[in-house]
Amino acid sequence: MKKLIVTLLALAAASFFLGSCDLPGPKPDQQIVFQIDAGYRLDFASNPRIISYTDGVLGLGYEYKSPELMNNPSERGYIAFSEDRLNFTGHRKFLPGENKGPGLLLADGTFRRYTFSPEQCCFISDYSQDGTVFVEEDGIRHDLSERDDCWAGVYTVFVDGDGGVVLMYNNNVEDEITGKETIYVRKAYSAGDGLNFVFEDDDLLEIKDDVGRIMSMADPNALVLDDGRVLLITMYQDQDAPMPPKGRTGDIYGFISEDGGRHFTSLGVLFSWDDFKEFEVRSLNDPKLVRLDDGSYKIYVAAMLPLEQGEDEEYTYIMVSATWNGL
């Protein structure tokens, strides 16, 4: 079982010399451990998104991969609701604009949501005073023409301790010799209002495998913890293993930042495809984090399963989850 128990040692030395002082921030005995929840949350479901969380009710967006919608991708956007974050009901299609999510709460109390526009080669945005009614804004937020070949994959945004907005996104770079792609997590930053981003890092995580190869960290999703640190999760597929559905690979990695997202330290594998014993999981994709009202944290992630035993090419998705009790 690939389970990592992470002991965070920051401030340990300071606590030793200051005796019983109750210092803010991480303590030596804190651990980040995600335990897999039994069963599955949704059937025929992939691409989770946290759409809403109001009065204890979670709205989880997903792509509904039912057989009758196989040839109708525009009809697959759905949302379901749960009070216990395990059992979901009320499945319905997205309302107009709902698939963009709730928007990011900015330091001034207003909201902004960001969208990658391949046509305009940039990130654009919508703005809202109340988080309900959004208006499309003019101009671009982050230009992708200079370094990113007009492409951004999965992305995530959060507000740091200074009130600035951190944008992290995937970009795929193809090796000219091997033809294989390396997936990087890149970073841009906007001080204050979240309108104008400045490119800061083309390989934020700088993580390599045992033989020195850059590890492709896909599907970044970040959340600011209660103590101000930033938890980032990604998905990694072993490049030496056959790709799903023929092979079985897909680890959910964790990274922690104690400086608002400027630098991240690897926590290793939080959980993996082979930690699931109820299902024959071939891959894990698109993990998403949410903080719950009781202070715990959940990861929702799509799990690829074979439709029938022995059929490598035929597969489906279910939504599964894992929980950390929090700080």
Protein backbone atom coordinates (compact mmCIF):
# COMPACT_ATOMS: atom_id res chain seq x y z
CA MET A 1 0.00 0.00 0.00
CA LYS A 2 1.41 3.35 -1.07
CA LYS A 3 0.36 5.49 1.87
CA LEU A 4 2.47 8.38 3.05
CA ILE A 5 2.30 9.76 6.56
CA VAL A 6 3.90 13.15 6.49
CA THR A 7 5.29 14.71 9.67
CA LEU A 8 5.75 18.44 9.23
CA LEU A 9 8.79 19.64 11.19
CA ALA A 10 8.69 23.37 10.43
CA LEU A 11 8.93 25.52 13.58
CA ALA A 12 10.03 22.49 15.62
CA ALA A 13 13.32 24.10 16.59
CA ALA A 14 11.65 27.40 17.45
CA SER A 15 9.07 25.64 19.60
CA PHE A 16 11.86 23.88 21.51
CA PHE A 17 13.52 27.14 22.49
CA LEU A 18 10.30 29.03 23.20
CA GLY A 19 8.92 26.40 25.53
CA SER A 20 5.13 26.31 25.79
CA CYS A 21 4.44 29.33 23.58
CA ASP A 22 1.53 28.63 21.23
CA LEU A 23 3.07 29.57 17.90
CA PRO A 24 0.96 29.92 14.76
CA GLY A 25 1.63 27.68 11.79
CA PRO A 26 2.66 24.03 11.53
CA LYS A 27 3.43 21.95 14.61
CA PRO A 28 5.78 18.95 14.73
CA ASP A 29 2.96 16.43 15.24
CA GLN A 30 0.74 17.49 12.33
CA GLN A 31 0.09 14.87 9.69
CA ILE A 32 -1.57 14.92 6.30
CA VAL A 33 -3.13 11.52 5.72
CA PHE A 34 -5.93 10.85 3.25
CA GLN A 35 -7.97 7.70 3.84
CA ILE A 36 -9.95 6.24 0.94
CA ASP A 37 -13.72 6.31 1.45
CA ALA A 38 -15.59 3.05 0.93
CA GLY A 39 -17.66 2.61 -2.23
CA TYR A 40 -18.01 5.20 -4.95
CA ARG A 41 -19.71 8.59 -5.14
CA LEU A 42 -20.99 8.66 -8.73
CA ASP A 43 -21.28 6.16 -11.59
CA PHE A 44 -20.36 6.95 -15.22
CA ALA A 45 -18.66 10.11 -13.94
CA SER A 46 -15.32 11.81 -14.64
CA ASN A 47 -13.76 15.29 -14.51
CA PRO A 48 -14.94 16.37 -11.03
CA ARG A 49 -15.31 20.06 -10.18
CA ILE A 50 -16.30 21.71 -6.93
CA ILE A 51 -19.17 23.92 -8.05
CA SER A 52 -20.69 25.01 -4.74
CA TYR A 53 -20.64 24.38 -1.00
CA THR A 54 -23.43 26.19 0.83
CA ASP A 55 -25.07 25.40 4.19
CA GLY A 56 -23.35 22.03 4.28
CA VAL A 57 -24.56 20.98 0.82
CA LEU A 58 -21.84 20.20 -1.71
CA GLY A 59 -22.46 20.67 -5.42
CA LEU A 60 -20.12 18.41 -7.39
CA GLY A 61 -19.84 18.96 -11.12
CA TYR A 62 -18.82 16.10 -13.39
CA GLU A 63 -18.85 14.77 -16.93
CA TYR A 64 -21.62 12.20 -17.21
CA LYS A 65 -20.18 9.31 -19.24
CA SER A 66 -23.38 7.29 -19.64
CA PRO A 67 -23.57 5.14 -22.80
CA GLU A 68 -26.50 7.10 -24.25
CA LEU A 69 -24.37 10.27 -24.25
CA MET A 70 -21.35 8.63 -25.86
CA ASN A 71 -21.63 10.76 -29.01
CA ASN A 72 -22.99 13.91 -27.37
CA PRO A 73 -20.13 15.54 -25.44
CA SER A 74 -21.98 18.87 -25.17
CA GLU A 75 -24.71 17.15 -23.13
CA ARG A 76 -22.40 15.57 -20.54
CA GLY A 77 -22.00 18.45 -18.08
CA TYR A 78 -23.91 17.55 -14.89
CA ILE A 79 -24.04 18.51 -11.23
CA ALA A 80 -25.14 16.46 -8.20
CA PHE A 81 -25.63 17.40 -4.55
CA SER A 82 -24.79 15.84 -1.19
CA GLU A 83 -25.26 16.70 2.48
CA ASP A 84 -22.89 14.01 3.76
CA ARG A 85 -20.39 14.40 0.86
CA LEU A 86 -20.67 10.66 0.18
CA ASN A 87 -24.15 10.11 -1.26
CA PHE A 88 -25.18 12.34 -4.15
CA THR A 89 -28.68 13.03 -5.48
CA GLY A 90 -30.48 15.60 -7.62
CA HIS A 91 -28.43 14.98 -10.75
CA ARG A 92 -29.14 17.61 -13.38
CA LYS A 93 -27.45 19.37 -16.28
CA PHE A 94 -25.49 22.55 -15.70
CA LEU A 95 -27.37 25.81 -15.81
CA PRO A 96 -25.90 28.46 -18.18
CA GLY A 97 -22.52 29.54 -16.84
CA GLU A 98 -22.69 27.17 -13.87
CA ASN A 99 -19.91 24.98 -15.23
CA LYS A 100 -17.44 27.81 -14.65
CA GLY A 101 -17.72 27.31 -10.91
CA PRO A 102 -18.36 29.68 -8.02
CA GLY A 103 -15.51 32.07 -8.72
CA LEU A 104 -12.54 33.00 -6.54
CA LEU A 105 -13.21 35.16 -3.48
CA LEU A 106 -10.76 38.06 -3.72
CA ALA A 107 -9.20 40.01 -0.88
CA ASP A 108 -11.68 42.90 -1.34
CA GLY A 109 -14.72 40.61 -1.00
CA THR A 110 -15.59 40.47 -4.71
CA PHE A 111 -15.32 37.44 -6.99
CA ARG A 112 -13.51 36.61 -10.19
CA ARG A 113 -13.50 33.37 -12.21
CA TYR A 114 -10.90 32.52 -14.83
CA THR A 115 -11.23 30.64 -18.10
CA PHE A 116 -8.60 29.43 -20.57
CA SER A 117 -9.43 30.69 -24.07
CA PRO A 118 -7.47 28.87 -26.80
CA GLU A 119 -9.00 31.17 -29.43
CA GLN A 120 -7.57 34.24 -27.72
CA CYS A 121 -4.38 32.48 -26.56
CA CYS A 122 -4.85 33.59 -22.98
CA PHE A 123 -6.80 33.39 -19.74
CA ILE A 124 -9.87 35.62 -19.58
CA SER A 125 -12.20 36.34 -16.66
CA ASP A 126 -15.69 37.11 -15.37
CA TYR A 127 -16.32 39.42 -12.42
CA SER A 128 -18.98 39.52 -9.72
CA GLN A 129 -19.75 41.73 -6.75
CA ASP A 130 -21.76 39.05 -4.93
CA GLY A 131 -20.56 35.72 -6.33
CA THR A 132 -23.92 35.13 -8.04
CA VAL A 133 -24.17 37.40 -11.08
CA PHE A 134 -21.00 37.36 -13.20
CA VAL A 135 -20.14 39.72 -16.05
CA GLU A 136 -17.51 38.96 -18.70
CA GLU A 137 -14.55 41.34 -18.45
CA ASP A 138 -12.66 42.96 -21.30
CA GLY A 139 -8.98 42.29 -21.89
CA ILE A 140 -6.79 39.33 -21.03
CA ARG A 141 -5.58 38.17 -17.65
CA HIS A 142 -2.56 36.07 -18.66
CA ASP A 143 -0.96 35.89 -22.12
CA LEU A 144 0.00 32.37 -23.29
CA SER A 145 1.62 33.30 -26.60
CA GLU A 146 5.18 33.97 -25.43
CA ARG A 147 6.04 30.83 -23.44
CA ASP A 148 3.13 28.41 -23.63
CA ASP A 149 2.39 28.04 -27.36
CA CYS A 150 -1.16 29.26 -26.67
CA TRP A 151 -1.99 26.28 -24.49
CA ALA A 152 -2.91 25.67 -20.87
CA GLY A 153 -4.21 22.38 -19.50
CA VAL A 154 -5.78 21.94 -16.07
CA TYR A 155 -5.38 25.04 -13.89
CA THR A 156 -6.04 26.20 -10.34
CA VAL A 157 -6.17 29.59 -8.60
CA PHE A 158 -6.04 30.80 -5.01
CA VAL A 159 -5.49 34.01 -3.03
CA ASP A 160 -2.26 34.16 -1.03
CA GLY A 161 -1.60 35.84 2.30
CA ASP A 162 -0.77 39.15 0.60
CA GLY A 163 -4.09 39.27 -1.22
CA GLY A 164 -2.54 38.42 -4.59
CA VAL A 165 -3.85 35.72 -6.92
CA VAL A 166 -1.72 32.67 -7.77
CA LEU A 167 -2.45 30.91 -11.07
CA MET A 168 -0.94 27.46 -11.64
CA TYR A 169 -1.54 25.54 -14.85
CA ASN A 170 -0.30 22.58 -16.87
CA ASN A 171 1.63 22.96 -20.08
CA ASN A 172 2.76 20.01 -22.19
CA VAL A 173 6.17 20.11 -23.86
CA GLU A 174 6.98 17.46 -26.47
CA ASP A 175 10.49 16.03 -26.63
CA GLU A 176 11.82 16.51 -30.17
CA ILE A 177 13.70 13.20 -30.08
CA THR A 178 11.37 10.79 -28.29
CA GLY A 179 8.07 12.47 -29.14
CA LYS A 180 6.91 11.98 -25.53
CA GLU A 181 5.33 14.83 -23.64
CA THR A 182 6.44 16.23 -20.30
CA ILE A 183 3.70 17.94 -18.29
CA TYR A 184 4.87 20.94 -16.29
CA VAL A 185 3.13 22.94 -13.59
CA ARG A 186 3.67 26.61 -14.42
CA LYS A 187 2.92 29.65 -12.33
CA ALA A 188 1.82 33.23 -12.89
CA TYR A 189 1.03 35.85 -10.26
CA SER A 190 -1.21 38.88 -9.99
CA ALA A 191 -0.70 41.29 -7.11
CA GLY A 192 -3.83 42.74 -5.62
CA ASP A 193 -6.80 42.65 -7.97
CA GLY A 194 -6.19 39.45 -9.99
CA LEU A 195 -6.43 41.29 -13.31
CA ASN A 196 -2.88 41.28 -14.67
CA PHE A 197 -0.69 38.20 -14.25
CA VAL A 198 3.08 38.11 -14.52
CA PHE A 199 4.75 34.83 -15.50
CA GLU A 200 6.99 33.53 -12.71
CA ASP A 201 7.93 29.86 -13.13
CA ASP A 202 7.93 27.36 -16.00
CA ASP A 203 8.59 24.32 -13.75
CA LEU A 204 7.24 25.15 -10.32
CA LEU A 205 7.60 21.69 -8.75
CA GLU A 206 11.01 20.64 -10.17
CA ILE A 207 10.49 17.02 -9.18
CA LYS A 208 12.42 14.13 -10.77
CA ASP A 209 12.21 10.36 -10.56
CA ASP A 210 14.90 7.97 -9.32
CA VAL A 211 16.79 8.08 -12.62
CA GLY A 212 16.72 11.85 -12.97
CA ARG A 213 13.79 12.30 -15.38
CA ILE A 214 11.32 15.14 -14.89
CA MET A 215 8.08 13.73 -13.50
CA SER A 216 4.97 14.88 -15.36
CA MET A 217 2.63 16.28 -12.73
CA ALA A 218 -0.83 16.67 -14.22
CA ASP A 219 -4.15 18.09 -13.01
CA PRO A 220 -2.95 20.58 -10.35
CA ASN A 221 -5.48 21.64 -7.72
CA ALA A 222 -4.60 23.82 -4.73
CA LEU A 223 -6.26 24.95 -1.51
CA VAL A 224 -5.14 27.24 1.31
CA LEU A 225 -5.24 25.34 4.61
CA ASP A 226 -6.51 26.73 7.91
CA ASP A 227 -2.96 27.52 9.05
CA GLY A 228 -2.16 29.49 5.88
CA ARG A 229 -0.07 26.87 4.13
CA VAL A 230 -1.02 25.82 0.61
CA LEU A 231 -1.78 22.18 -0.21
CA LEU A 232 -1.35 21.27 -3.87
CA ILE A 233 -2.37 17.90 -5.31
CA THR A 234 -1.49 16.46 -8.72
CA MET A 235 -1.78 13.20 -10.65
CA TYR A 236 1.29 11.30 -11.83
CA GLN A 237 1.38 8.40 -14.28
CA ASP A 238 4.47 6.20 -14.31
CA GLN A 239 6.08 6.78 -17.70
CA ASP A 240 7.53 3.25 -17.73
CA ALA A 241 4.10 1.60 -17.30
CA PRO A 242 1.67 0.97 -20.18
CA MET A 243 -0.87 3.76 -20.34
CA PRO A 244 -4.43 3.03 -19.16
CA PRO A 245 -6.65 1.29 -19.97
CA LYS A 246 -4.06 -1.34 -21.02
CA GLY A 247 -1.86 -0.55 -18.05
CA ARG A 248 -2.59 0.47 -14.47
CA THR A 249 -1.07 3.66 -13.17
CA GLY A 250 -2.03 6.93 -11.50
CA ASP A 251 -0.76 8.27 -8.16
CA ILE A 252 -2.14 11.30 -6.33
CA TYR A 253 0.81 13.36 -5.11
CA GLY A 254 0.77 16.09 -2.48
CA PHE A 255 2.91 19.22 -2.21
CA ILE A 256 2.98 21.78 0.60
CA SER A 257 3.99 25.45 0.53
CA GLU A 258 4.72 27.56 3.59
CA ASP A 259 5.33 30.79 1.65
CA GLY A 260 2.06 31.32 -0.19
CA GLY A 261 2.86 29.15 -3.19
CA ARG A 262 6.30 30.48 -4.06
CA HIS A 263 7.97 27.15 -3.26
CA PHE A 264 6.54 23.67 -2.75
CA THR A 265 7.91 20.64 -0.94
CA SER A 266 6.82 17.17 -2.05
CA LEU A 267 4.76 15.09 0.36
CA GLY A 268 5.03 12.07 -1.94
CA VAL A 269 2.11 9.82 -2.80
CA LEU A 270 -1.09 10.55 -0.85
CA PHE A 271 -2.86 7.53 -2.37
CA SER A 272 -2.67 5.45 -5.52
CA TRP A 273 -4.68 3.32 -7.93
CA ASP A 274 -3.61 0.13 -6.13
CA ASP A 275 -4.95 1.36 -2.79
CA PHE A 276 -8.46 0.65 -4.08
CA LYS A 277 -9.47 -2.94 -3.30
CA GLU A 278 -13.20 -2.78 -4.15
CA PHE A 279 -12.63 -1.97 -7.81
CA GLU A 280 -10.11 -2.81 -10.52
CA VAL A 281 -8.85 0.73 -10.91
CA ARG A 282 -6.78 1.33 -14.05
CA SER A 283 -6.12 5.02 -13.51
CA LEU A 284 -6.93 8.05 -11.35
CA ASN A 285 -7.62 11.39 -13.01
CA ASP A 286 -8.45 15.01 -12.19
CA PRO A 287 -8.33 15.14 -8.36
CA LYS A 288 -10.16 18.04 -6.70
CA LEU A 289 -9.84 19.31 -3.12
CA VAL A 290 -12.53 20.79 -0.89
CA ARG A 291 -12.52 21.92 2.74
CA LEU A 292 -15.64 20.90 4.66
CA ASP A 293 -17.40 22.74 7.45
CA ASP A 294 -16.08 20.33 10.11
CA GLY A 295 -12.48 21.19 9.19
CA SER A 296 -11.82 18.00 7.24
CA TYR A 297 -10.70 17.87 3.62
CA LYS A 298 -11.87 15.64 0.78
CA ILE A 299 -10.37 14.71 -2.56
CA TYR A 300 -12.76 13.68 -5.32
CA VAL A 301 -11.13 11.88 -8.23
CA ALA A 302 -12.25 9.93 -11.28
CA ALA A 303 -11.28 6.24 -11.37
CA MET A 304 -11.05 4.37 -14.67
CA LEU A 305 -12.46 0.83 -14.57
CA PRO A 306 -12.64 -1.91 -17.24
CA LEU A 307 -16.18 -2.57 -18.41
CA GLU A 308 -15.64 -6.32 -18.43
CA GLN A 309 -12.86 -8.52 -17.11
CA GLY A 310 -10.10 -8.88 -19.68
CA GLU A 311 -11.30 -6.16 -22.06
CA ASP A 312 -8.38 -3.73 -22.08
CA GLU A 313 -9.83 -1.20 -24.50
CA GLU A 314 -13.34 -0.89 -23.06
CA TYR A 315 -13.59 1.16 -19.90
CA THR A 316 -15.76 3.47 -17.85
CA TYR A 317 -15.32 5.95 -14.99
CA ILE A 318 -16.65 6.23 -11.47
CA MET A 319 -16.11 9.00 -8.94
CA VAL A 320 -14.30 8.01 -5.74
CA SER A 321 -13.05 10.01 -2.78
CA ALA A 322 -10.58 10.17 0.09
CA THR A 323 -10.72 12.12 3.37
CA TRP A 324 -8.20 13.82 5.66
CA ASN A 325 -9.52 14.88 9.08
CA GLY A 326 -7.63 18.16 8.91
CA LEU A 327 -5.44 20.16 11.23
